[in-house]
Amino acid sequence: MSSKRLLSGIMEKNEEKGINMSLMDLPEATLDCILKWLSPIELCVMSMVCASLRDRCGSNHLWEKHMEFKWGRVIGEVAYKEWQCHIRKAKEGTLLGDYFTNLNGSLGSLSGTWPDDLYLGSYLEDCGNLNGQFSNKFMKAMYFSLETGRFWFPAQFYKGLTIYNALFSYDSKSDIFQARQHNGGWRFLGKNIGWDMVRIPPIETPPYTLHITDCFYDLKPGDHVEIQRRGITETHYGWRYGVIGHMESCNGNENYCHCQHNEELVVEFKQYPEASYMRKVVLNRRNSGEQGSRATGFFGGIRKLHNHHDIHLWNNRLTAQALQMMEPRLHYAPPVEAQYPVHGHQ
């Protein structure tokens, strides 16, 4: 039953009994049940009725449901931690009378230098409202800061067959995101990014930090992994999808395969042709540091994929890339001379 039908039903019954009853006369549990059915816009409208409803409609437990429904696919624990940090900094700025903090955001200007004291990285534009109507409404403030694009939240971005950590801002008019990354200076990673291209970071390793691999000796041929990679050592890591392969000395027979017990580990990237030097990389299990070269790139930590949904998403992207590469061939038409060769003059 909708909130409107529930409320109108209660009012009609009271009118029949000759009882003049306002919304605030309802039992606490009944009023709370009605508010839970309201949409974000309806909650905002209801909050303008009176001071009591303003406080009730901003309660965190009401907005948790809306946060999960709309943002649960892209907002994870990392983003919530960042938001808490912004709330704290905004309040500190108010207490200290820091005009610059409230004018430009909890960390200054987005065009300025990368903040050293925020360990994961995000940005909040115009945090002055955190000290106003949203000061004690954690979830409501976060919801509307995301909805308006003011909160550049940390997440990951599928770009081709690599995943990059980035900051994302939402455009509610077009229902898309834009992403930027700080790597010696702000740069855009992409615009017009759909929801299906953004994911919650599965681990909290910052993009410039080597992930510590805890599964090196568990990996065996056929296992699906994501591995950190960067072209040069001065840049951030991206995450690349791969599959553990067999050693050259192994014929792939499961009954005789000893690849899992070898010190060397083969990671295959099936998005590259068999003959490509980028097709595979051989790593040393004993080396927990960065491995590689300028030719193949530098490889960091490995994350084993256990979730079949993640593997399915990667396989879909591999298939899409393969079809994209085949498309020019499918549309290729040989020249007329090739179709109708001339064998000589008649």
C-alpha atoms as a PDB file:
ATOM      1  CA  MET A   1       0.000   0.000   0.000  1.00  0.00           C
ATOM      2  CA  SER A   2       1.334   3.480  -0.891  1.00  0.00           C
ATOM      3  CA  SER A   3       1.852   6.211   1.709  1.00  0.00           C
ATOM      4  CA  LYS A   4      -0.888   8.343   0.150  1.00  0.00           C
ATOM      5  CA  ARG A   5      -3.483   5.544   0.290  1.00  0.00           C
ATOM      6  CA  LEU A   6      -2.473   4.680   3.849  1.00  0.00           C
ATOM      7  CA  LEU A   7      -2.749   8.299   4.991  1.00  0.00           C
ATOM      8  CA  SER A   8      -6.029   8.972   3.185  1.00  0.00           C
ATOM      9  CA  GLY A   9      -7.500   5.762   4.622  1.00  0.00           C
ATOM     10  CA  ILE A  10      -6.673   6.857   8.157  1.00  0.00           C
ATOM     11  CA  MET A  11      -8.093  10.340   7.575  1.00  0.00           C
ATOM     12  CA  GLU A  12     -11.341   9.001   6.053  1.00  0.00           C
ATOM     13  CA  LYS A  13     -11.943   6.682   9.013  1.00  0.00           C
ATOM     14  CA  ASN A  14     -11.384   9.549  11.450  1.00  0.00           C
ATOM     15  CA  GLU A  15     -13.767  11.820   9.513  1.00  0.00           C
ATOM     16  CA  GLU A  16     -16.458   9.129   9.644  1.00  0.00           C
ATOM     17  CA  LYS A  17     -16.040   9.012  13.425  1.00  0.00           C
ATOM     18  CA  GLY A  18     -16.081  12.815  13.657  1.00  0.00           C
ATOM     19  CA  ILE A  19     -12.484  12.977  14.851  1.00  0.00           C
ATOM     20  CA  ASN A  20     -10.469  16.024  13.759  1.00  0.00           C
ATOM     21  CA  MET A  21      -6.948  14.649  13.556  1.00  0.00           C
ATOM     22  CA  SER A  22      -3.757  16.077  12.057  1.00  0.00           C
ATOM     23  CA  LEU A  23      -0.748  14.198  10.729  1.00  0.00           C
ATOM     24  CA  MET A  24       1.198  14.899  13.920  1.00  0.00           C
ATOM     25  CA  ASP A  25      -1.543  13.264  16.000  1.00  0.00           C
ATOM     26  CA  LEU A  26      -0.825   9.888  14.470  1.00  0.00           C
ATOM     27  CA  PRO A  27       0.975   7.260  16.571  1.00  0.00           C
ATOM     28  CA  GLU A  28       4.772   7.333  16.226  1.00  0.00           C
ATOM     29  CA  ALA A  29       4.916   3.935  14.516  1.00  0.00           C
ATOM     30  CA  THR A  30       2.175   4.872  12.023  1.00  0.00           C
ATOM     31  CA  LEU A  31       3.807   8.186  11.099  1.00  0.00           C
ATOM     32  CA  ASP A  32       7.175   6.507  10.680  1.00  0.00           C
ATOM     33  CA  CYS A  33       5.611   3.863   8.429  1.00  0.00           C
ATOM     34  CA  ILE A  34       4.107   6.585   6.223  1.00  0.00           C
ATOM     35  CA  LEU A  35       7.406   8.463   5.951  1.00  0.00           C
ATOM     36  CA  LYS A  36       9.224   5.294   4.919  1.00  0.00           C
ATOM     37  CA  TRP A  37       7.018   5.068   1.829  1.00  0.00           C
ATOM     38  CA  LEU A  38       7.774   8.602   0.657  1.00  0.00           C
ATOM     39  CA  SER A  39      10.155   9.305  -2.221  1.00  0.00           C
ATOM     40  CA  PRO A  40      13.140  11.663  -1.706  1.00  0.00           C
ATOM     41  CA  ILE A  41      11.199  14.573  -3.235  1.00  0.00           C
ATOM     42  CA  GLU A  42       8.111  13.785  -1.129  1.00  0.00           C
ATOM     43  CA  LEU A  43      10.238  13.684   2.030  1.00  0.00           C
ATOM     44  CA  CYS A  44      11.628  17.113   1.174  1.00  0.00           C
ATOM     45  CA  VAL A  45       8.121  18.496   0.638  1.00  0.00           C
ATOM     46  CA  MET A  46       6.901  16.933   3.888  1.00  0.00           C
ATOM     47  CA  SER A  47       9.864  18.425   5.774  1.00  0.00           C
ATOM     48  CA  MET A  48       8.540  21.929   5.004  1.00  0.00           C
ATOM     49  CA  VAL A  49       5.276  21.366   6.921  1.00  0.00           C
ATOM     50  CA  CYS A  50       6.672  22.059  10.386  1.00  0.00           C
ATOM     51  CA  ALA A  51       9.853  21.920  12.474  1.00  0.00           C
ATOM     52  CA  SER A  52       8.995  18.513  13.899  1.00  0.00           C
ATOM     53  CA  LEU A  53       8.526  16.953  10.451  1.00  0.00           C
ATOM     54  CA  ARG A  54      11.670  18.666   9.200  1.00  0.00           C
ATOM     55  CA  ASP A  55      13.693  16.753  11.762  1.00  0.00           C
ATOM     56  CA  ARG A  56      11.821  13.495  11.195  1.00  0.00           C
ATOM     57  CA  CYS A  57      12.109  13.647   7.394  1.00  0.00           C
ATOM     58  CA  GLY A  58      15.855  14.081   7.649  1.00  0.00           C
ATOM     59  CA  SER A  59      16.392  11.007   9.825  1.00  0.00           C
ATOM     60  CA  ASN A  60      19.222   8.777   8.641  1.00  0.00           C
ATOM     61  CA  HIS A  61      17.137   5.584   8.766  1.00  0.00           C
ATOM     62  CA  LEU A  62      14.709   7.043   6.187  1.00  0.00           C
ATOM     63  CA  TRP A  63      17.471   8.034   3.777  1.00  0.00           C
ATOM     64  CA  GLU A  64      19.472   4.808   4.114  1.00  0.00           C
ATOM     65  CA  LYS A  65      16.823   3.060   2.000  1.00  0.00           C
ATOM     66  CA  HIS A  66      17.040   5.720  -0.733  1.00  0.00           C
ATOM     67  CA  MET A  67      20.841   5.643  -0.666  1.00  0.00           C
ATOM     68  CA  GLU A  68      20.870   1.877  -1.130  1.00  0.00           C
ATOM     69  CA  PHE A  69      18.194   1.912  -3.850  1.00  0.00           C
ATOM     70  CA  LYS A  70      19.844   4.503  -6.080  1.00  0.00           C
ATOM     71  CA  TRP A  71      23.518   4.505  -5.117  1.00  0.00           C
ATOM     72  CA  GLY A  72      24.091   0.999  -3.782  1.00  0.00           C
ATOM     73  CA  ARG A  73      25.643  -0.140  -7.088  1.00  0.00           C
ATOM     74  CA  VAL A  74      28.433   2.452  -7.044  1.00  0.00           C
ATOM     75  CA  ILE A  75      28.821   3.687  -3.452  1.00  0.00           C
ATOM     76  CA  GLY A  76      30.736   1.391  -1.130  1.00  0.00           C
ATOM     77  CA  GLU A  77      32.531   1.479   2.190  1.00  0.00           C
ATOM     78  CA  VAL A  78      35.361   3.566   0.741  1.00  0.00           C
ATOM     79  CA  ALA A  79      32.995   6.358  -0.288  1.00  0.00           C
ATOM     80  CA  TYR A  80      31.241   6.346   3.102  1.00  0.00           C
ATOM     81  CA  LYS A  81      34.589   6.711   4.879  1.00  0.00           C
ATOM     82  CA  GLU A  82      35.473   9.615   2.616  1.00  0.00           C
ATOM     83  CA  TRP A  83      32.128  11.274   3.316  1.00  0.00           C
ATOM     84  CA  GLN A  84      32.694  11.033   7.062  1.00  0.00           C
ATOM     85  CA  CYS A  85      36.043  12.719   6.561  1.00  0.00           C
ATOM     86  CA  HIS A  86      34.400  15.588   4.652  1.00  0.00           C
ATOM     87  CA  ILE A  87      31.762  16.016   7.370  1.00  0.00           C
ATOM     88  CA  ARG A  88      34.483  16.269  10.005  1.00  0.00           C
ATOM     89  CA  LYS A  89      36.548  18.734   7.997  1.00  0.00           C
ATOM     90  CA  ALA A  90      33.517  20.908   7.257  1.00  0.00           C
ATOM     91  CA  LYS A  91      32.687  21.128  10.963  1.00  0.00           C
ATOM     92  CA  GLU A  92      36.312  21.891  11.834  1.00  0.00           C
ATOM     93  CA  GLY A  93      36.291  24.676   9.261  1.00  0.00           C
ATOM     94  CA  THR A  94      33.210  26.220  10.860  1.00  0.00           C
ATOM     95  CA  LEU A  95      34.640  26.040  14.354  1.00  0.00           C
ATOM     96  CA  LEU A  96      37.879  27.642  13.205  1.00  0.00           C
ATOM     97  CA  GLY A  97      36.153  30.218  11.008  1.00  0.00           C
ATOM     98  CA  ASP A  98      37.926  28.896   7.934  1.00  0.00           C
ATOM     99  CA  TYR A  99      36.333  30.865   5.090  1.00  0.00           C
ATOM    100  CA  PHE A 100      38.476  29.144   2.444  1.00  0.00           C
ATOM    101  CA  THR A 101      37.268  25.710   3.529  1.00  0.00           C
ATOM    102  CA  ASN A 102      33.587  26.613   3.273  1.00  0.00           C
ATOM    103  CA  LEU A 103      33.997  28.551   0.044  1.00  0.00           C
ATOM    104  CA  ASN A 104      35.831  25.952  -2.032  1.00  0.00           C
ATOM    105  CA  GLY A 105      34.964  22.678  -0.368  1.00  0.00           C
ATOM    106  CA  SER A 106      36.295  20.635   2.499  1.00  0.00           C
ATOM    107  CA  LEU A 107      39.653  20.298   0.770  1.00  0.00           C
ATOM    108  CA  GLY A 108      40.009  23.582  -1.030  1.00  0.00           C
ATOM    109  CA  SER A 109      39.813  24.061  -4.776  1.00  0.00           C
ATOM    110  CA  LEU A 110      39.476  21.133  -7.188  1.00  0.00           C
ATOM    111  CA  SER A 111      42.073  22.821  -9.386  1.00  0.00           C
ATOM    112  CA  GLY A 112      44.582  22.927  -6.544  1.00  0.00           C
ATOM    113  CA  THR A 113      47.081  20.373  -5.294  1.00  0.00           C
ATOM    114  CA  TRP A 114      46.129  16.867  -4.223  1.00  0.00           C
ATOM    115  CA  PRO A 115      45.317  16.775  -0.487  1.00  0.00           C
ATOM    116  CA  ASP A 116      47.948  14.889   1.489  1.00  0.00           C
ATOM    117  CA  ASP A 117      45.783  14.022   4.476  1.00  0.00           C
ATOM    118  CA  LEU A 118      42.948  12.211   2.672  1.00  0.00           C
ATOM    119  CA  TYR A 119      44.180   8.666   2.323  1.00  0.00           C
ATOM    120  CA  LEU A 120      41.842   7.418  -0.422  1.00  0.00           C
ATOM    121  CA  GLY A 121      40.854  10.532  -2.324  1.00  0.00           C
ATOM    122  CA  SER A 122      37.560  12.282  -3.031  1.00  0.00           C
ATOM    123  CA  TYR A 123      36.320  15.819  -3.336  1.00  0.00           C
ATOM    124  CA  LEU A 124      33.312  17.756  -2.081  1.00  0.00           C
ATOM    125  CA  GLU A 125      32.316  21.023  -3.738  1.00  0.00           C
ATOM    126  CA  ASP A 126      30.719  23.766  -1.649  1.00  0.00           C
ATOM    127  CA  CYS A 127      30.562  22.093   1.745  1.00  0.00           C
ATOM    128  CA  GLY A 128      28.989  25.128   3.439  1.00  0.00           C
ATOM    129  CA  ASN A 129      25.548  23.469   3.479  1.00  0.00           C
ATOM    130  CA  LEU A 130      26.905  20.717   5.729  1.00  0.00           C
ATOM    131  CA  ASN A 131      26.787  23.262   8.527  1.00  0.00           C
ATOM    132  CA  GLY A 132      23.226  24.349   7.726  1.00  0.00           C
ATOM    133  CA  GLN A 133      20.115  22.268   7.133  1.00  0.00           C
ATOM    134  CA  PHE A 134      22.149  19.057   6.595  1.00  0.00           C
ATOM    135  CA  SER A 135      24.462  19.457   9.601  1.00  0.00           C
ATOM    136  CA  ASN A 136      23.136  16.385  11.488  1.00  0.00           C
ATOM    137  CA  LYS A 137      21.603  14.531   8.554  1.00  0.00           C
ATOM    138  CA  PHE A 138      24.439  12.330   7.335  1.00  0.00           C
ATOM    139  CA  MET A 139      22.509  10.252   4.769  1.00  0.00           C
ATOM    140  CA  LYS A 140      20.308  13.034   3.409  1.00  0.00           C
ATOM    141  CA  ALA A 141      23.310  15.301   2.919  1.00  0.00           C
ATOM    142  CA  MET A 142      25.215  12.548   1.150  1.00  0.00           C
ATOM    143  CA  TYR A 143      22.244  11.675  -1.081  1.00  0.00           C
ATOM    144  CA  PHE A 144      21.810  15.228  -2.356  1.00  0.00           C
ATOM    145  CA  SER A 145      25.545  15.891  -2.641  1.00  0.00           C
ATOM    146  CA  LEU A 146      25.699  12.865  -4.951  1.00  0.00           C
ATOM    147  CA  GLU A 147      22.499  13.809  -6.796  1.00  0.00           C
ATOM    148  CA  THR A 148      23.743  17.337  -7.520  1.00  0.00           C
ATOM    149  CA  GLY A 149      27.224  16.161  -8.534  1.00  0.00           C
ATOM    150  CA  ARG A 150      28.953  18.094  -5.749  1.00  0.00           C
ATOM    151  CA  PHE A 151      30.457  14.991  -4.161  1.00  0.00           C
ATOM    152  CA  TRP A 152      33.174  13.490  -6.369  1.00  0.00           C
ATOM    153  CA  PHE A 153      33.155  10.020  -4.892  1.00  0.00           C
ATOM    154  CA  PRO A 154      35.840   7.308  -5.254  1.00  0.00           C
ATOM    155  CA  ALA A 155      34.954   4.299  -7.386  1.00  0.00           C
ATOM    156  CA  GLN A 156      36.363   2.294 -10.307  1.00  0.00           C
ATOM    157  CA  PHE A 157      35.834   2.745 -14.030  1.00  0.00           C
ATOM    158  CA  TYR A 158      35.850   0.120 -16.801  1.00  0.00           C
ATOM    159  CA  LYS A 159      37.844   1.651 -19.633  1.00  0.00           C
ATOM    160  CA  GLY A 160      38.328  -0.958 -22.304  1.00  0.00           C
ATOM    161  CA  LEU A 161      39.638  -4.065 -20.550  1.00  0.00           C
ATOM    162  CA  THR A 162      41.297  -2.197 -17.712  1.00  0.00           C
ATOM    163  CA  ILE A 163      39.793  -0.802 -14.525  1.00  0.00           C
ATOM    164  CA  TYR A 164      40.956   2.547 -13.176  1.00  0.00           C
ATOM    165  CA  ASN A 165      40.404   4.187  -9.816  1.00  0.00           C
ATOM    166  CA  ALA A 166      38.887   7.626 -10.259  1.00  0.00           C
ATOM    167  CA  LEU A 167      36.628  10.285  -8.790  1.00  0.00           C
ATOM    168  CA  PHE A 168      33.103  10.400 -10.202  1.00  0.00           C
ATOM    169  CA  SER A 169      30.530  13.163 -10.403  1.00  0.00           C
ATOM    170  CA  TYR A 170      26.903  12.474 -11.331  1.00  0.00           C
ATOM    171  CA  ASP A 171      24.767  14.463 -13.765  1.00  0.00           C
ATOM    172  CA  SER A 172      21.117  13.931 -12.803  1.00  0.00           C
ATOM    173  CA  LYS A 173      19.791  15.497 -16.026  1.00  0.00           C
ATOM    174  CA  SER A 174      21.479  12.962 -18.299  1.00  0.00           C
ATOM    175  CA  ASP A 175      21.835  10.140 -15.712  1.00  0.00           C
ATOM    176  CA  ILE A 176      25.537   9.681 -16.488  1.00  0.00           C
ATOM    177  CA  PHE A 177      28.878  10.230 -14.772  1.00  0.00           C
ATOM    178  CA  GLN A 178      32.126  11.962 -15.540  1.00  0.00           C
ATOM    179  CA  ALA A 179      35.425  10.739 -14.113  1.00  0.00           C
ATOM    180  CA  ARG A 180      38.713  12.394 -13.353  1.00  0.00           C
ATOM    181  CA  GLN A 181      41.976  11.254 -11.822  1.00  0.00           C
ATOM    182  CA  HIS A 182      44.815  13.032 -10.088  1.00  0.00           C
ATOM    183  CA  ASN A 183      48.150  11.845 -11.424  1.00  0.00           C
ATOM    184  CA  GLY A 184      50.556  14.744 -11.157  1.00  0.00           C
ATOM    185  CA  GLY A 185      47.634  16.997 -12.113  1.00  0.00           C
ATOM    186  CA  TRP A 186      43.892  16.682 -12.664  1.00  0.00           C
ATOM    187  CA  ARG A 187      42.844  14.979 -15.883  1.00  0.00           C
ATOM    188  CA  PHE A 188      39.568  13.629 -17.195  1.00  0.00           C
ATOM    189  CA  LEU A 189      39.345   9.880 -17.685  1.00  0.00           C
ATOM    190  CA  GLY A 190      35.987  10.007 -19.400  1.00  0.00           C
ATOM    191  CA  LYS A 191      32.584  11.630 -19.839  1.00  0.00           C
ATOM    192  CA  ASN A 192      29.188  10.151 -20.672  1.00  0.00           C
ATOM    193  CA  ILE A 193      29.938   7.174 -18.419  1.00  0.00           C
ATOM    194  CA  GLY A 194      26.984   4.862 -17.832  1.00  0.00           C
ATOM    195  CA  TRP A 195      26.120   3.109 -14.586  1.00  0.00           C
ATOM    196  CA  ASP A 196      27.302  -0.250 -15.951  1.00  0.00           C
ATOM    197  CA  MET A 197      30.837   1.127 -16.378  1.00  0.00           C
ATOM    198  CA  VAL A 198      31.235   2.072 -12.693  1.00  0.00           C
ATOM    199  CA  ARG A 199      31.811  -0.320  -9.816  1.00  0.00           C
ATOM    200  CA  ILE A 200      32.530  -0.238  -6.098  1.00  0.00           C
ATOM    201  CA  PRO A 201      36.236  -0.819  -5.344  1.00  0.00           C
ATOM    202  CA  PRO A 202      36.450  -4.395  -4.001  1.00  0.00           C
ATOM    203  CA  ILE A 203      39.547  -3.517  -1.958  1.00  0.00           C
ATOM    204  CA  GLU A 204      40.766  -0.295  -0.372  1.00  0.00           C
ATOM    205  CA  THR A 205      44.241  -0.231  -1.939  1.00  0.00           C
ATOM    206  CA  PRO A 206      44.868   3.308  -3.306  1.00  0.00           C
ATOM    207  CA  PRO A 207      45.756   3.455  -7.034  1.00  0.00           C
ATOM    208  CA  TYR A 208      49.353   4.527  -6.358  1.00  0.00           C
ATOM    209  CA  THR A 209      50.037   1.741  -3.823  1.00  0.00           C
ATOM    210  CA  LEU A 210      51.197  -1.811  -4.504  1.00  0.00           C
ATOM    211  CA  HIS A 211      48.536  -4.298  -3.449  1.00  0.00           C
ATOM    212  CA  ILE A 212      49.904  -7.070  -1.249  1.00  0.00           C
ATOM    213  CA  THR A 213      49.045 -10.402  -2.875  1.00  0.00           C
ATOM    214  CA  ASP A 214      47.817 -13.014  -0.404  1.00  0.00           C
ATOM    215  CA  CYS A 215      46.968 -15.745  -2.918  1.00  0.00           C
ATOM    216  CA  PHE A 216      50.225 -16.297  -4.849  1.00  0.00           C
ATOM    217  CA  TYR A 217      50.645 -19.927  -3.810  1.00  0.00           C
ATOM    218  CA  ASP A 218      46.956 -20.752  -4.231  1.00  0.00           C
ATOM    219  CA  LEU A 219      46.804 -19.764  -7.886  1.00  0.00           C
ATOM    220  CA  LYS A 220      46.541 -22.528 -10.478  1.00  0.00           C
ATOM    221  CA  PRO A 221      45.809 -22.710 -14.228  1.00  0.00           C
ATOM    222  CA  GLY A 222      42.270 -21.633 -15.027  1.00  0.00           C
ATOM    223  CA  ASP A 223      41.906 -19.236 -12.092  1.00  0.00           C
ATOM    224  CA  HIS A 224      40.537 -15.790 -12.966  1.00  0.00           C
ATOM    225  CA  VAL A 225      42.381 -12.792 -11.559  1.00  0.00           C
ATOM    226  CA  GLU A 226      42.729  -9.033 -11.668  1.00  0.00           C
ATOM    227  CA  ILE A 227      46.286  -7.769 -11.595  1.00  0.00           C
ATOM    228  CA  GLN A 228      47.700  -4.297 -11.078  1.00  0.00           C
ATOM    229  CA  ARG A 229      49.536  -2.883 -14.094  1.00  0.00           C
ATOM    230  CA  ARG A 230      51.052   0.427 -15.116  1.00  0.00           C
ATOM    231  CA  GLY A 231      53.070   1.451 -18.146  1.00  0.00           C
ATOM    232  CA  ILE A 232      55.703   3.379 -16.216  1.00  0.00           C
ATOM    233  CA  THR A 233      56.549   3.395 -12.536  1.00  0.00           C
ATOM    234  CA  GLU A 234      55.599   7.061 -12.070  1.00  0.00           C
ATOM    235  CA  THR A 235      51.893   6.576 -12.811  1.00  0.00           C
ATOM    236  CA  HIS A 236      48.932   5.027 -10.998  1.00  0.00           C
ATOM    237  CA  TYR A 237      48.029   1.367 -11.323  1.00  0.00           C
ATOM    238  CA  GLY A 238      45.069   0.103 -13.286  1.00  0.00           C
ATOM    239  CA  TRP A 239      43.565  -3.362 -12.821  1.00  0.00           C
ATOM    240  CA  ARG A 240      43.717  -5.760 -15.765  1.00  0.00           C
ATOM    241  CA  TYR A 241      41.770  -8.985 -16.161  1.00  0.00           C
ATOM    242  CA  GLY A 242      43.733 -12.207 -16.708  1.00  0.00           C
ATOM    243  CA  VAL A 243      43.603 -15.988 -16.428  1.00  0.00           C
ATOM    244  CA  ILE A 244      46.319 -18.147 -14.887  1.00  0.00           C
ATOM    245  CA  GLY A 245      47.935 -20.225 -17.631  1.00  0.00           C
ATOM    246  CA  HIS A 246      50.238 -23.230 -17.973  1.00  0.00           C
ATOM    247  CA  MET A 247      54.016 -23.182 -18.161  1.00  0.00           C
ATOM    248  CA  GLU A 248      55.518 -23.821 -21.614  1.00  0.00           C
ATOM    249  CA  SER A 249      56.891 -27.130 -20.362  1.00  0.00           C
ATOM    250  CA  CYS A 250      53.367 -28.295 -19.386  1.00  0.00           C
ATOM    251  CA  ASN A 251      51.056 -29.983 -21.881  1.00  0.00           C
ATOM    252  CA  GLY A 252      47.939 -28.854 -19.981  1.00  0.00           C
ATOM    253  CA  ASN A 253      46.923 -32.337 -18.875  1.00  0.00           C
ATOM    254  CA  GLU A 254      45.324 -32.016 -15.429  1.00  0.00           C
ATOM    255  CA  ASN A 255      46.678 -35.392 -14.305  1.00  0.00           C
ATOM    256  CA  TYR A 256      50.293 -34.372 -14.920  1.00  0.00           C
ATOM    257  CA  CYS A 257      50.164 -30.582 -14.406  1.00  0.00           C
ATOM    258  CA  HIS A 258      52.503 -29.231 -11.716  1.00  0.00           C
ATOM    259  CA  CYS A 259      52.205 -25.542 -12.636  1.00  0.00           C
ATOM    260  CA  GLN A 260      50.636 -24.660  -9.272  1.00  0.00           C
ATOM    261  CA  HIS A 261      53.803 -25.813  -7.500  1.00  0.00           C
ATOM    262  CA  ASN A 262      56.196 -23.965  -9.809  1.00  0.00           C
ATOM    263  CA  GLU A 263      57.904 -20.803  -8.569  1.00  0.00           C
ATOM    264  CA  GLU A 264      56.945 -19.103 -11.810  1.00  0.00           C
ATOM    265  CA  LEU A 265      53.392 -17.992 -12.493  1.00  0.00           C
ATOM    266  CA  VAL A 266      51.925 -17.432 -15.966  1.00  0.00           C
ATOM    267  CA  VAL A 267      49.194 -14.813 -16.337  1.00  0.00           C
ATOM    268  CA  GLU A 268      47.446 -14.728 -19.730  1.00  0.00           C
ATOM    269  CA  PHE A 269      45.589 -11.739 -21.168  1.00  0.00           C
ATOM    270  CA  LYS A 270      43.224 -13.209 -23.728  1.00  0.00           C
ATOM    271  CA  GLN A 271      42.304  -9.827 -25.163  1.00  0.00           C
ATOM    272  CA  TYR A 272      45.609  -9.966 -27.082  1.00  0.00           C
ATOM    273  CA  PRO A 273      46.387 -12.265 -30.038  1.00  0.00           C
ATOM    274  CA  GLU A 274      48.361 -15.448 -29.372  1.00  0.00           C
ATOM    275  CA  ALA A 275      51.446 -14.067 -31.127  1.00  0.00           C
ATOM    276  CA  SER A 276      51.473 -10.766 -29.219  1.00  0.00           C
ATOM    277  CA  TYR A 277      54.202 -10.172 -26.637  1.00  0.00           C
ATOM    278  CA  MET A 278      51.428  -8.693 -24.442  1.00  0.00           C
ATOM    279  CA  ARG A 279      49.527 -11.996 -24.436  1.00  0.00           C
ATOM    280  CA  LYS A 280      51.175 -13.338 -21.278  1.00  0.00           C
ATOM    281  CA  VAL A 281      53.559 -12.409 -18.515  1.00  0.00           C
ATOM    282  CA  VAL A 282      55.639 -14.736 -16.326  1.00  0.00           C
ATOM    283  CA  LEU A 283      55.955 -13.670 -12.685  1.00  0.00           C
ATOM    284  CA  ASN A 284      57.914 -15.042  -9.757  1.00  0.00           C
ATOM    285  CA  ARG A 285      55.746 -16.144  -6.840  1.00  0.00           C
ATOM    286  CA  ARG A 286      58.523 -15.363  -4.353  1.00  0.00           C
ATOM    287  CA  ASN A 287      58.746 -11.750  -5.486  1.00  0.00           C
ATOM    288  CA  SER A 288      56.108  -9.762  -3.626  1.00  0.00           C
ATOM    289  CA  GLY A 289      57.206  -6.494  -5.213  1.00  0.00           C
ATOM    290  CA  GLU A 290      56.584  -4.955  -8.607  1.00  0.00           C
ATOM    291  CA  GLN A 291      57.686  -7.058 -11.588  1.00  0.00           C
ATOM    292  CA  GLY A 292      57.952  -6.390 -15.302  1.00  0.00           C
ATOM    293  CA  SER A 293      59.666  -4.097 -17.775  1.00  0.00           C
ATOM    294  CA  ARG A 294      58.998  -1.089 -19.987  1.00  0.00           C
ATOM    295  CA  ALA A 295      58.175  -3.440 -22.843  1.00  0.00           C
ATOM    296  CA  THR A 296      55.402  -5.381 -21.080  1.00  0.00           C
ATOM    297  CA  GLY A 297      54.538  -2.880 -18.356  1.00  0.00           C
ATOM    298  CA  PHE A 298      55.023  -3.172 -14.613  1.00  0.00           C
ATOM    299  CA  PHE A 299      52.814  -5.585 -12.666  1.00  0.00           C
ATOM    300  CA  GLY A 300      51.843  -5.293  -9.018  1.00  0.00           C
ATOM    301  CA  GLY A 301      49.497  -7.198  -6.755  1.00  0.00           C
ATOM    302  CA  ILE A 302      46.994  -9.869  -7.786  1.00  0.00           C
ATOM    303  CA  ARG A 303      43.394 -10.304  -6.658  1.00  0.00           C
ATOM    304  CA  LYS A 304      41.809 -13.710  -7.267  1.00  0.00           C
ATOM    305  CA  LEU A 305      38.220 -13.547  -8.528  1.00  0.00           C
ATOM    306  CA  HIS A 306      35.790 -15.757  -6.617  1.00  0.00           C
ATOM    307  CA  ASN A 307      32.593 -14.006  -7.674  1.00  0.00           C
ATOM    308  CA  HIS A 308      31.064 -15.591 -10.786  1.00  0.00           C
ATOM    309  CA  HIS A 309      29.289 -12.313 -11.562  1.00  0.00           C
ATOM    310  CA  ASP A 310      32.648 -10.492 -11.856  1.00  0.00           C
ATOM    311  CA  ILE A 311      34.017 -13.212 -14.148  1.00  0.00           C
ATOM    312  CA  HIS A 312      30.849 -13.080 -16.252  1.00  0.00           C
ATOM    313  CA  LEU A 313      31.211  -9.302 -16.672  1.00  0.00           C
ATOM    314  CA  TRP A 314      34.815  -9.655 -17.838  1.00  0.00           C
ATOM    315  CA  ASN A 315      33.926 -12.425 -20.303  1.00  0.00           C
ATOM    316  CA  ASN A 316      31.164 -10.247 -21.724  1.00  0.00           C
ATOM    317  CA  ARG A 317      33.666  -7.453 -22.266  1.00  0.00           C
ATOM    318  CA  LEU A 318      36.103  -9.833 -23.940  1.00  0.00           C
ATOM    319  CA  THR A 319      33.338 -11.020 -26.266  1.00  0.00           C
ATOM    320  CA  ALA A 320      32.316  -7.440 -27.060  1.00  0.00           C
ATOM    321  CA  GLN A 321      35.920  -6.541 -27.903  1.00  0.00           C
ATOM    322  CA  ALA A 322      36.292  -9.587 -30.147  1.00  0.00           C
ATOM    323  CA  LEU A 323      33.099  -8.711 -32.035  1.00  0.00           C
ATOM    324  CA  GLN A 324      34.243  -5.119 -32.390  1.00  0.00           C
ATOM    325  CA  MET A 325      37.528  -6.266 -33.927  1.00  0.00           C
ATOM    326  CA  MET A 326      35.682  -8.574 -36.333  1.00  0.00           C
ATOM    327  CA  GLU A 327      33.186  -5.940 -37.438  1.00  0.00           C
ATOM    328  CA  PRO A 328      35.373  -4.325 -40.148  1.00  0.00           C
ATOM    329  CA  ARG A 329      35.915  -7.767 -41.696  1.00  0.00           C
ATOM    330  CA  LEU A 330      32.193  -8.531 -41.686  1.00  0.00           C
ATOM    331  CA  HIS A 331      31.466  -5.333 -43.576  1.00  0.00           C
ATOM    332  CA  TYR A 332      34.385  -5.683 -45.968  1.00  0.00           C
ATOM    333  CA  ALA A 333      33.478  -5.921 -49.662  1.00  0.00           C
ATOM    334  CA  PRO A 334      36.246  -6.754 -52.169  1.00  0.00           C
ATOM    335  CA  PRO A 335      36.799  -4.387 -55.105  1.00  0.00           C
ATOM    336  CA  VAL A 336      34.804  -4.964 -58.269  1.00  0.00           C
ATOM    337  CA  GLU A 337      37.927  -6.150 -60.069  1.00  0.00           C
ATOM    338  CA  ALA A 338      38.452  -8.795 -57.426  1.00  0.00           C
ATOM    339  CA  GLN A 339      34.855  -9.974 -57.672  1.00  0.00           C
ATOM    340  CA  TYR A 340      34.885 -10.169 -61.492  1.00  0.00           C
ATOM    341  CA  PRO A 341      38.455 -10.835 -62.644  1.00  0.00           C
ATOM    342  CA  VAL A 342      39.215 -10.120 -66.277  1.00  0.00           C
ATOM    343  CA  HIS A 343      40.892 -13.126 -67.922  1.00  0.00           C
ATOM    344  CA  GLY A 344      41.637 -11.475 -71.220  1.00  0.00           C
ATOM    345  CA  HIS A 345      40.164  -9.686 -74.194  1.00  0.00           C
ATOM    346  CA  GLN A 346      37.347 -11.348 -76.043  1.00  0.00           C
END
